[in-house]
Amino acid sequence: MSTSLNAERRSADLAALTSGEVVDVLVIGGGVTGAGVALDAASRGLTVALLEADDLAFGTSRWSSKLVHGGLRYLANGDVGLARESAVERGVLMTTTAPHLTRTLPQLVPLHPPVSARDAALTYAGLVAGDGLRRVARTPANLLPGPRRVSAAESRALAPGLRAAGLRGGLLSFDGQLVDDARLVVALARTAAGLGARIITRARVSAVAPDAVEVVDARTGQVARIRSRVVVNATGVWAGTLVPSVRLRPSRGSHLVLDAGAVGCGATSLTVPIPGPFGRFALVLPQDDGRVYIGLTDEPVDEIPAVAAVPESDVDFLLGVASSVLETRLTRADVLGSYAGLRPLVDLPGTSGRSADLSRHHAVLTEGKVVTVVGGKLTTYRRMAADAVDTAVDLAGLHAGPSRTRTLPLVGAAPRARLSTLDAPRRLVARYGTEAPTIAAMGSLDPDLAQEVATGVTAAEVIWAVRHEGALDADDVLHRRTRIGLVDRDADLARPAVENLVDRALRGLVAH
């Protein structure tokens, strides 16, 4: 079956679901967890529908640090099990399921005062232990090399913007980085669609019953019932709106977007110690588009908006911490954009204190014929999904084998050696994998499609997003299929061209 998602397929799938078809598993939520659940269930041969109120990756999943991390922080807190799980899942993503969407990220801890020799030794010991988990996970050392100490001169060669005064060296290690978290979600949804899953965006669930849900089609306003044998609630921080018994303590993780030239970290990320208790760090994360993300905060929130805003206090905090290790002090004038994600942390009995101290373990909860999966991290989405489907299968008495997703490549995936030989620009390969040559060819056949709508993003990518990735309007393209929208100015400049291309693609006015 085709992996393409588009308006025509959405209409056909929604018509089938609302005409009385009963699916085995109905997933609510189109983030990384929901898309992962849909893929896991479909790969076991179950019939699946996924309903998303807005667009794929609309909520928390597109607002991460874009890291595929090995769980070093969990190891430092003594949670070896979660650290090992993170290391294993990082290896699965980087070697099997999504090599095209992941890459090796050098990480440098600069050693300036007030980082003491003791703190540096403890941090390095943690990095060595983390590399031990990498070996346990069997992630190749040529993909994630082991940590090492580097001199002050090498530290500044890796990150030229580092402050020279007081720099006595650095600690260099390597972790995984996603090229784009939203593209991971789209790849999961498309892979599930290729296995028969019905992926429906703009479909808000308004009520959940034991054998059906009530859904509102945002495109037409029509209300319908969709029947299933079991429901999986994968709506993240909004899980409690569907199942009131689910208790969460959301926290906000804020990030700033800056031009790489203002920061001067090159291709190496910086792990910057935060003043106060040992073991807290901010991250300066270079991207492949000439931008840098600085994050992240961990602040409790009481209200859950559709899109979280970054408060001024977080801006000042992140600029201050990052500037503490840089030659040039960063100011608000350097900030091009910002974003914040809300973590769906589980409120377990007996937990209290800072949200940063709450467990990052996921939980699978049941109430009637509804399975709710919450908590966890983006890196461990596959494990969360497998556990949720295991529970759903048992709850509904479905016939299905064990999870198959550990060895199931996503759309566009291929071994790194093959990806390096594809006849397409490296930027396209990093986002589309084996589909990159097709997108490049669209521009070769039609020069208009080779034109850029924003720096590095071509018209062909906009058409591809509508025809194959489920984009239904310009916002889907600007904010989820590409990340032009991370900088308001860029989105405003690109919008007229993107709106025109989306309209033409939806009306079939662009030649195939």
Protein backbone atom coordinates (compact mmCIF):
# COMPACT_ATOMS: atom_id res chain seq x y z
CA MET A 1 0.00 0.00 0.00
CA SER A 2 1.19 3.53 -0.73
CA THR A 3 2.79 5.55 2.06
CA SER A 4 1.48 8.81 0.59
CA LEU A 5 -0.78 10.97 2.75
CA ASN A 6 -2.87 13.64 1.05
CA ALA A 7 -6.31 15.25 1.03
CA GLU A 8 -7.79 12.60 -1.27
CA ARG A 9 -6.64 9.72 0.90
CA ARG A 10 -7.84 11.50 4.04
CA SER A 11 -11.33 11.86 2.58
CA ALA A 12 -11.48 8.22 1.51
CA ASP A 13 -10.19 6.93 4.84
CA LEU A 14 -12.54 9.12 6.86
CA ALA A 15 -15.49 8.00 4.74
CA ALA A 16 -14.62 4.35 5.38
CA LEU A 17 -14.32 4.91 9.13
CA THR A 18 -17.59 6.82 9.44
CA SER A 19 -19.58 4.36 7.33
CA GLY A 20 -19.40 1.64 9.97
CA GLU A 21 -15.95 0.11 9.64
CA VAL A 22 -14.67 -1.20 12.99
CA VAL A 23 -10.92 -0.95 13.55
CA ASP A 24 -8.95 -2.98 16.06
CA VAL A 25 -7.02 0.00 17.48
CA LEU A 26 -8.07 3.64 17.38
CA VAL A 27 -5.28 6.04 18.31
CA ILE A 28 -6.03 9.57 19.46
CA GLY A 29 -3.11 11.97 19.01
CA GLY A 30 -0.76 12.52 16.07
CA GLY A 31 2.46 13.26 17.90
CA VAL A 32 5.49 10.98 18.06
CA THR A 33 3.84 8.62 20.54
CA GLY A 34 0.52 8.37 18.70
CA ALA A 35 2.21 7.89 15.33
CA GLY A 36 4.49 5.32 16.94
CA VAL A 37 1.48 3.45 18.36
CA ALA A 38 -0.23 3.46 14.95
CA LEU A 39 2.89 2.05 13.31
CA ASP A 40 3.44 -0.60 15.98
CA ALA A 41 -0.17 -1.80 15.81
CA ALA A 42 -0.31 -1.78 11.99
CA SER A 43 2.98 -3.67 11.76
CA ARG A 44 1.44 -6.46 13.85
CA GLY A 45 -1.36 -6.86 11.31
CA LEU A 46 -4.02 -5.00 13.29
CA THR A 47 -6.43 -2.58 11.65
CA VAL A 48 -5.65 0.94 12.82
CA ALA A 49 -7.01 4.47 12.66
CA LEU A 50 -5.23 7.55 14.00
CA LEU A 51 -7.20 10.73 14.73
CA GLU A 52 -5.39 14.02 15.25
CA ALA A 53 -7.24 17.21 16.19
CA ASP A 54 -4.92 19.45 14.20
CA ASP A 55 -1.85 18.33 12.23
CA LEU A 56 0.83 15.71 12.66
CA ALA A 57 3.39 16.87 15.27
CA PHE A 58 1.22 19.90 16.09
CA GLY A 59 1.72 19.61 19.87
CA THR A 60 4.78 18.78 21.94
CA SER A 61 6.64 16.62 19.43
CA ARG A 62 7.85 19.48 17.22
CA TRP A 63 9.10 21.52 20.16
CA SER A 64 11.89 19.24 21.42
CA SER A 65 15.64 19.93 21.56
CA LYS A 66 15.94 17.67 18.47
CA LEU A 67 18.20 15.31 20.42
CA VAL A 68 18.31 11.53 20.30
CA HIS A 69 20.06 11.25 23.60
CA GLY A 70 21.56 8.32 25.41
CA GLY A 71 20.14 9.09 28.84
CA LEU A 72 23.26 10.47 30.52
CA ARG A 73 21.18 12.65 32.83
CA TYR A 74 19.21 9.61 34.00
CA LEU A 75 22.44 7.77 34.67
CA ALA A 76 23.65 10.68 36.79
CA ASN A 77 20.43 10.43 38.81
CA GLY A 78 20.98 6.71 39.38
CA ASP A 79 18.23 5.54 37.00
CA VAL A 80 20.30 2.97 35.13
CA GLY A 81 17.25 1.27 33.62
CA LEU A 82 15.95 4.42 31.94
CA ALA A 83 19.46 5.40 30.84
CA ARG A 84 19.96 2.00 29.23
CA GLU A 85 16.55 2.19 27.54
CA SER A 86 17.45 5.60 26.09
CA ALA A 87 20.81 4.33 24.83
CA VAL A 88 19.20 1.31 23.18
CA GLU A 89 16.48 3.36 21.51
CA ARG A 90 19.03 5.93 20.33
CA GLY A 91 20.93 3.11 18.66
CA VAL A 92 17.77 1.76 17.01
CA LEU A 93 16.94 5.17 15.53
CA MET A 94 20.46 5.95 14.36
CA THR A 95 21.32 2.56 12.86
CA THR A 96 18.04 1.01 11.68
CA THR A 97 14.78 2.92 11.73
CA ALA A 98 15.86 6.46 10.80
CA PRO A 99 19.54 6.87 9.84
CA HIS A 100 18.51 9.57 7.35
CA LEU A 101 16.87 11.71 10.04
CA THR A 102 19.67 11.39 12.61
CA ARG A 103 23.31 12.35 12.82
CA THR A 104 26.24 12.36 15.21
CA LEU A 105 26.44 15.46 17.40
CA PRO A 106 29.73 16.45 19.08
CA GLN A 107 29.09 17.86 22.54
CA LEU A 108 31.61 19.95 24.46
CA VAL A 109 31.53 20.81 28.16
CA PRO A 110 33.79 23.89 28.42
CA LEU A 111 35.79 24.05 31.63
CA HIS A 112 35.69 27.63 32.87
CA PRO A 113 35.48 28.77 36.47
CA PRO A 114 33.38 28.10 38.50
CA VAL A 115 33.50 24.46 37.24
CA SER A 116 35.85 22.84 39.75
CA ALA A 117 38.29 20.05 39.05
CA ARG A 118 36.04 17.77 41.11
CA ASP A 119 32.96 18.65 39.07
CA ALA A 120 34.93 18.13 35.86
CA ALA A 121 36.08 14.72 37.05
CA LEU A 122 32.55 13.69 38.01
CA THR A 123 31.20 14.89 34.65
CA TYR A 124 33.87 12.98 32.75
CA ALA A 125 33.17 9.83 34.76
CA GLY A 126 29.53 10.17 33.75
CA LEU A 127 30.50 10.52 30.09
CA VAL A 128 32.62 7.37 30.32
CA ALA A 129 29.72 5.51 31.94
CA GLY A 130 27.42 6.77 29.20
CA ASP A 131 29.81 5.39 26.62
CA GLY A 132 29.54 2.06 28.41
CA LEU A 133 25.80 2.15 27.79
CA ARG A 134 26.52 2.90 24.12
CA ARG A 135 28.55 -0.31 24.00
CA VAL A 136 25.81 -2.26 25.77
CA ALA A 137 23.36 -0.96 23.15
CA ARG A 138 25.82 -2.06 20.42
CA THR A 139 25.86 1.31 18.75
CA PRO A 140 29.06 1.43 16.66
CA ALA A 141 31.93 3.57 17.93
CA ASN A 142 32.44 4.97 14.44
CA LEU A 143 28.96 6.46 14.76
CA LEU A 144 29.25 7.62 18.38
CA PRO A 145 32.94 7.83 19.39
CA GLY A 146 33.96 7.63 23.02
CA PRO A 147 34.52 10.72 25.18
CA ARG A 148 37.88 12.41 25.67
CA ARG A 149 39.43 15.41 27.33
CA VAL A 150 40.52 18.22 25.03
CA SER A 151 42.84 21.19 25.53
CA ALA A 152 41.77 24.81 25.62
CA ALA A 153 43.14 25.30 22.11
CA GLU A 154 41.20 22.31 20.74
CA SER A 155 38.07 23.45 22.57
CA ARG A 156 38.27 26.82 20.79
CA ALA A 157 38.96 25.12 17.49
CA LEU A 158 35.75 23.11 17.96
CA ALA A 159 33.77 26.12 19.18
CA PRO A 160 35.52 29.36 18.15
CA GLY A 161 33.08 31.50 20.09
CA LEU A 162 34.19 30.18 23.47
CA ARG A 163 35.57 32.68 25.96
CA ALA A 164 39.34 32.29 26.13
CA ALA A 165 39.76 33.80 29.60
CA GLY A 166 39.85 31.07 32.23
CA LEU A 167 39.29 28.23 29.74
CA ARG A 168 41.39 25.25 30.81
CA GLY A 169 40.04 22.74 28.32
CA GLY A 170 36.88 20.80 27.73
CA LEU A 171 35.17 17.42 27.83
CA LEU A 172 34.17 16.14 24.39
CA SER A 173 31.53 13.46 23.89
CA PHE A 174 29.07 12.44 21.19
CA ASP A 175 25.31 11.95 21.12
CA GLY A 176 22.55 11.70 18.52
CA GLN A 177 20.67 14.57 16.94
CA LEU A 178 17.48 14.63 14.90
CA VAL A 179 17.57 16.77 11.82
CA ASP A 180 13.90 17.56 12.53
CA ASP A 181 11.59 16.08 15.16
CA ALA A 182 8.43 16.90 13.17
CA ARG A 183 9.79 15.02 10.16
CA LEU A 184 10.25 11.95 12.37
CA VAL A 185 6.53 12.08 13.22
CA VAL A 186 5.57 12.41 9.55
CA ALA A 187 7.82 9.45 8.66
CA LEU A 188 6.18 7.33 11.37
CA ALA A 189 2.67 8.22 10.18
CA ARG A 190 3.52 7.54 6.54
CA THR A 191 5.14 4.20 7.37
CA ALA A 192 2.02 3.24 9.31
CA ALA A 193 -0.12 4.32 6.36
CA GLY A 194 1.92 2.07 4.11
CA LEU A 195 0.88 -0.83 6.35
CA GLY A 196 -2.80 0.09 6.07
CA ALA A 197 -3.31 2.53 8.95
CA ARG A 198 -5.86 5.28 8.31
CA ILE A 199 -4.24 8.59 9.31
CA ILE A 200 -6.81 11.38 9.75
CA THR A 201 -5.74 14.91 10.71
CA ARG A 202 -8.15 17.79 11.47
CA ALA A 203 -10.37 15.31 13.32
CA ARG A 204 -11.06 16.30 16.92
CA VAL A 205 -12.37 13.65 19.29
CA SER A 206 -15.13 15.18 21.39
CA ALA A 207 -16.26 12.11 23.36
CA VAL A 208 -14.98 8.62 24.10
CA ALA A 209 -17.34 5.67 24.66
CA PRO A 210 -16.45 2.01 25.36
CA ASP A 211 -16.71 0.97 21.70
CA ALA A 212 -16.56 4.23 19.75
CA VAL A 213 -15.48 7.85 19.74
CA GLU A 214 -17.33 10.93 18.56
CA VAL A 215 -15.24 12.97 16.14
CA VAL A 216 -15.68 16.39 14.55
CA ASP A 217 -14.25 16.86 11.07
CA ALA A 218 -12.67 20.32 11.26
CA ARG A 219 -12.76 20.66 7.47
CA THR A 220 -16.53 20.19 7.14
CA GLY A 221 -17.89 20.57 10.68
CA GLN A 222 -19.63 17.19 10.43
CA VAL A 223 -19.87 15.01 13.54
CA ALA A 224 -19.56 11.22 13.27
CA ARG A 225 -18.92 8.10 15.33
CA ILE A 226 -15.93 5.87 14.67
CA ARG A 227 -15.99 2.38 16.13
CA SER A 228 -13.07 0.38 17.48
CA ARG A 229 -12.25 -2.54 19.71
CA VAL A 230 -9.85 -0.53 21.84
CA VAL A 231 -8.80 3.12 22.09
CA VAL A 232 -5.27 4.39 22.78
CA ASN A 233 -5.12 7.90 24.22
CA ALA A 234 -1.77 9.33 23.10
CA THR A 235 -2.58 13.01 23.45
CA GLY A 236 0.34 13.90 25.73
CA VAL A 237 -0.29 16.85 28.03
CA TRP A 238 -3.95 16.82 26.93
CA ALA A 239 -4.52 13.18 28.01
CA GLY A 240 -6.54 14.22 31.05
CA THR A 241 -9.14 16.01 28.91
CA LEU A 242 -10.19 12.64 27.47
CA VAL A 243 -9.60 10.53 30.58
CA PRO A 244 -10.03 12.76 33.67
CA SER A 245 -8.46 10.19 35.98
CA VAL A 246 -5.07 10.72 34.31
CA ARG A 247 -3.00 13.08 36.44
CA LEU A 248 -0.11 14.98 34.92
CA ARG A 249 2.27 17.70 36.04
CA PRO A 250 3.30 19.40 32.78
CA SER A 251 6.53 21.33 32.57
CA ARG A 252 7.69 23.87 30.00
CA GLY A 253 10.92 23.48 28.07
CA SER A 254 11.83 26.76 26.35
CA HIS A 255 14.30 27.22 23.50
CA LEU A 256 15.70 30.23 21.64
CA VAL A 257 16.60 30.33 17.94
CA LEU A 258 19.70 32.32 16.96
CA ASP A 259 21.97 32.70 13.95
CA ALA A 260 25.03 30.47 14.24
CA GLY A 261 27.30 33.41 13.46
CA ALA A 262 26.21 35.18 16.62
CA VAL A 263 27.15 32.22 18.80
CA GLY A 264 30.28 30.82 17.15
CA CYS A 265 29.96 27.17 18.17
CA GLY A 266 30.60 25.71 14.73
CA ALA A 267 29.23 22.18 14.38
CA THR A 268 29.88 21.37 18.04
CA SER A 269 27.15 21.74 20.63
CA LEU A 270 27.93 23.19 24.03
CA THR A 271 26.80 21.71 27.33
CA VAL A 272 26.93 24.67 29.70
CA PRO A 273 26.85 24.18 33.48
CA ILE A 274 24.06 26.12 35.16
CA PRO A 275 25.08 27.92 38.36
CA GLY A 276 23.79 26.17 41.45
CA PRO A 277 23.50 22.47 42.26
CA PHE A 278 25.91 20.29 40.29
CA GLY A 279 24.49 18.38 37.35
CA ARG A 280 22.25 20.95 35.67
CA PHE A 281 23.16 22.12 32.17
CA ALA A 282 21.89 24.31 29.35
CA LEU A 283 22.45 23.30 25.73
CA VAL A 284 23.70 25.28 22.74
CA LEU A 285 22.70 23.17 19.75
CA PRO A 286 23.89 23.93 16.19
CA GLN A 287 21.58 22.96 13.32
CA ASP A 288 22.42 22.20 9.71
CA ASP A 289 20.57 25.29 8.45
CA GLY A 290 22.88 27.86 10.00
CA ARG A 291 20.77 28.27 13.11
CA VAL A 292 21.47 27.48 16.75
CA TYR A 293 18.94 26.47 19.40
CA ILE A 294 19.61 27.37 23.02
CA GLY A 295 17.67 25.47 25.65
CA LEU A 296 16.20 24.40 27.83
CA THR A 297 14.18 25.25 30.85
CA ASP A 298 12.13 22.95 33.06
CA GLU A 299 9.37 24.97 34.68
CA PRO A 300 5.98 23.70 35.94
CA VAL A 301 2.88 25.06 34.23
CA ASP A 302 -0.75 25.15 35.34
CA GLU A 303 -2.46 25.98 32.05
CA ILE A 304 -2.05 23.98 28.84
CA PRO A 305 -2.34 26.17 25.74
CA ALA A 306 -2.46 24.78 22.21
CA VAL A 307 0.94 26.38 21.56
CA ALA A 308 3.07 27.38 24.54
CA ALA A 309 4.77 30.77 24.62
CA VAL A 310 8.28 31.46 25.88
CA PRO A 311 8.16 33.92 28.80
CA GLU A 312 10.61 36.80 29.02
CA SER A 313 12.20 35.28 32.13
CA ASP A 314 13.17 32.17 30.15
CA VAL A 315 14.72 34.32 27.41
CA ASP A 316 16.88 36.18 29.91
CA PHE A 317 17.86 32.98 31.71
CA LEU A 318 18.93 31.11 28.57
CA LEU A 319 20.85 34.07 27.14
CA GLY A 320 22.63 34.54 30.43
CA VAL A 321 23.69 30.92 30.83
CA ALA A 322 24.88 30.59 27.23
CA SER A 323 26.77 33.89 27.42
CA SER A 324 28.65 32.71 30.51
CA VAL A 325 30.96 30.62 28.31
CA LEU A 326 31.10 32.83 25.20
CA GLU A 327 33.47 35.60 24.20
CA THR A 328 30.60 37.83 23.12
CA ARG A 329 27.58 38.34 25.32
CA LEU A 330 24.32 37.42 23.63
CA THR A 331 21.45 39.90 23.76
CA ARG A 332 17.79 39.90 22.79
CA ALA A 333 18.79 41.44 19.47
CA ASP A 334 20.44 38.10 18.60
CA VAL A 335 17.22 36.12 19.13
CA LEU A 336 15.50 35.29 15.84
CA GLY A 337 12.73 33.16 17.30
CA SER A 338 11.72 30.98 20.22
CA TYR A 339 9.61 27.94 21.01
CA ALA A 340 8.50 25.92 24.00
CA GLY A 341 7.25 22.39 24.47
CA LEU A 342 5.19 20.98 27.33
CA ARG A 343 6.35 17.71 28.85
CA PRO A 344 3.57 15.32 29.94
CA LEU A 345 5.21 14.28 33.21
CA VAL A 346 3.31 11.69 35.22
CA ASP A 347 2.03 12.84 38.61
CA LEU A 348 2.65 9.71 40.65
CA PRO A 349 1.67 9.37 44.33
CA GLY A 350 4.39 10.62 46.62
CA THR A 351 6.15 12.83 44.04
CA SER A 352 6.80 16.45 44.85
CA GLY A 353 9.33 19.19 44.34
CA ARG A 354 10.77 20.52 41.10
CA SER A 355 9.41 19.26 37.79
CA ALA A 356 13.04 18.60 36.83
CA ASP A 357 13.11 15.92 39.52
CA LEU A 358 10.03 14.06 38.28
CA SER A 359 10.53 10.71 36.60
CA ARG A 360 10.93 10.62 32.83
CA HIS A 361 9.61 7.06 32.76
CA HIS A 362 6.45 6.54 30.74
CA ALA A 363 3.25 5.06 32.10
CA VAL A 364 0.56 2.97 30.43
CA LEU A 365 -2.79 3.33 32.20
CA THR A 366 -6.14 1.65 31.52
CA GLU A 367 -9.71 2.70 32.17
CA GLY A 368 -12.45 0.64 30.57
CA LYS A 369 -11.46 0.02 26.95
CA VAL A 370 -9.17 3.06 26.85
CA VAL A 371 -5.40 2.75 27.14
CA THR A 372 -3.54 5.97 27.98
CA VAL A 373 0.21 6.29 27.41
CA VAL A 374 1.93 9.33 28.94
CA GLY A 375 5.33 10.49 30.12
CA GLY A 376 8.55 9.33 28.53
CA LYS A 377 10.84 11.09 26.09
CA LEU A 378 10.96 11.51 22.33
CA THR A 379 13.96 9.16 22.11
CA THR A 380 12.01 6.32 23.71
CA TYR A 381 8.78 6.76 21.71
CA ARG A 382 9.13 3.29 20.13
CA ARG A 383 9.29 1.53 23.49
CA MET A 384 6.33 3.56 24.75
CA ALA A 385 4.32 2.63 21.68
CA ALA A 386 5.14 -1.07 21.99
CA ASP A 387 4.09 -1.13 25.64
CA ALA A 388 0.83 0.68 24.83
CA VAL A 389 -0.03 -1.74 22.02
CA ASP A 390 0.84 -4.75 24.20
CA THR A 391 -1.65 -3.46 26.77
CA ALA A 392 -4.29 -2.70 24.13
CA VAL A 393 -3.97 -6.20 22.63
CA ASP A 394 -4.42 -7.81 26.03
CA LEU A 395 -7.28 -5.51 27.03
CA ALA A 396 -9.30 -6.13 23.87
CA GLY A 397 -8.33 -9.77 23.40
CA LEU A 398 -6.84 -9.08 19.98
CA HIS A 399 -4.72 -11.60 18.11
CA ALA A 400 -1.31 -10.11 17.41
CA GLY A 401 2.31 -11.05 17.86
CA PRO A 402 5.06 -9.04 19.55
CA SER A 403 6.27 -5.63 18.41
CA ARG A 404 8.17 -5.58 15.11
CA THR A 405 9.26 -1.94 15.03
CA ARG A 406 12.81 -2.44 16.32
CA THR A 407 13.86 -3.69 12.88
CA LEU A 408 11.34 -1.80 10.74
CA PRO A 409 12.91 1.09 8.75
CA LEU A 410 10.82 4.22 8.34
CA VAL A 411 9.97 5.80 5.00
CA GLY A 412 13.19 7.09 3.43
CA ALA A 413 15.50 5.06 5.67
CA ALA A 414 18.56 3.22 4.35
CA PRO A 415 22.03 2.32 5.64
CA ARG A 416 24.29 5.35 5.91
CA ALA A 417 26.61 3.99 3.24
CA ARG A 418 23.75 3.98 0.74
CA LEU A 419 22.46 7.38 1.81
CA SER A 420 25.88 8.86 1.05
CA THR A 421 25.65 7.71 -2.58
CA LEU A 422 22.22 9.18 -3.39
CA ASP A 423 22.15 11.66 -6.26
CA ALA A 424 20.60 14.58 -4.39
CA PRO A 425 21.75 17.52 -2.27
CA ARG A 426 22.86 16.50 1.23
CA ARG A 427 20.21 18.71 2.80
CA LEU A 428 17.43 16.83 1.00
CA VAL A 429 18.93 13.44 1.88
CA ALA A 430 19.00 14.42 5.57
CA ARG A 431 15.26 15.14 5.48
CA TYR A 432 13.86 12.73 2.92
CA GLY A 433 16.39 9.91 2.72
CA THR A 434 15.87 7.68 -0.28
CA GLU A 435 13.06 9.94 -1.54
CA ALA A 436 15.48 12.87 -1.93
CA PRO A 437 16.45 12.08 -5.56
CA THR A 438 12.77 12.16 -6.56
CA ILE A 439 12.29 15.60 -4.99
CA ALA A 440 15.50 16.84 -6.60
CA ALA A 441 14.30 15.53 -9.97
CA MET A 442 11.06 17.52 -9.63
CA GLY A 443 13.15 20.66 -9.66
CA SER A 444 15.19 19.42 -12.62
CA LEU A 445 12.07 18.75 -14.68
CA ASP A 446 10.36 22.02 -13.74
CA PRO A 447 12.73 24.94 -13.03
CA ASP A 448 9.95 26.74 -11.12
CA LEU A 449 9.97 23.93 -8.55
CA ALA A 450 13.72 24.34 -8.05
CA GLN A 451 13.18 27.91 -6.81
CA GLU A 452 13.54 28.51 -3.07
CA VAL A 453 10.54 29.68 -1.04
CA ALA A 454 12.89 30.26 1.89
CA THR A 455 16.59 29.67 2.43
CA GLY A 456 17.26 26.04 1.55
CA VAL A 457 13.59 25.08 1.04
CA THR A 458 12.42 24.60 -2.53
CA ALA A 459 8.99 24.78 -4.14
CA ALA A 460 9.30 21.06 -4.91
CA GLU A 461 9.32 20.33 -1.17
CA VAL A 462 6.07 22.23 -0.74
CA ILE A 463 4.42 20.20 -3.51
CA TRP A 464 5.81 16.98 -2.01
CA ALA A 465 4.41 17.90 1.40
CA VAL A 466 0.90 18.25 -0.04
CA ARG A 467 1.00 15.20 -2.30
CA HIS A 468 2.75 12.76 0.01
CA GLU A 469 3.07 14.08 3.58
CA GLY A 470 -0.49 15.05 4.46
CA ALA A 471 -0.05 18.85 4.45
CA LEU A 472 -3.45 20.48 4.00
CA ASP A 473 -2.57 24.17 4.19
CA ALA A 474 0.35 26.59 4.25
CA ASP A 475 0.75 26.40 8.03
CA ASP A 476 1.31 22.64 7.82
CA VAL A 477 4.15 23.31 5.40
CA LEU A 478 5.67 26.31 7.17
CA HIS A 479 5.53 24.92 10.70
CA ARG A 480 5.62 21.11 10.47
CA ARG A 481 6.84 19.78 7.07
CA THR A 482 9.55 22.44 7.04
CA ARG A 483 10.65 24.59 9.98
CA ILE A 484 10.54 27.92 8.21
CA GLY A 485 8.04 29.04 10.84
CA LEU A 486 10.54 28.93 13.70
CA VAL A 487 11.45 32.48 12.69
CA ASP A 488 8.39 34.68 12.22
CA ARG A 489 10.11 36.94 9.70
CA ASP A 490 11.03 33.97 7.49
CA ALA A 491 7.48 32.60 7.65
CA ASP A 492 6.00 35.96 6.69
CA LEU A 493 8.30 36.26 3.67
CA ALA A 494 7.65 32.69 2.50
CA ARG A 495 3.90 32.55 3.12
CA PRO A 496 2.62 34.03 -0.17
CA ALA A 497 4.66 31.61 -2.28
CA VAL A 498 3.80 28.65 -0.05
CA GLU A 499 0.08 29.46 -0.06
CA ASN A 500 0.09 29.66 -3.85
CA LEU A 501 1.92 26.33 -4.21
CA VAL A 502 -0.32 24.56 -1.68
CA ASP A 503 -3.42 25.81 -3.47
CA ARG A 504 -2.12 24.67 -6.84
CA ALA A 505 -1.11 21.27 -5.47
CA LEU A 506 -4.50 20.72 -3.80
CA ARG A 507 -6.26 21.59 -7.05
CA GLY A 508 -3.95 19.35 -9.11
CA LEU A 509 -2.53 22.25 -11.13
CA VAL A 510 1.12 21.18 -10.79
CA ALA A 511 2.36 18.59 -13.28
CA HIS A 512 3.53 15.26 -11.85
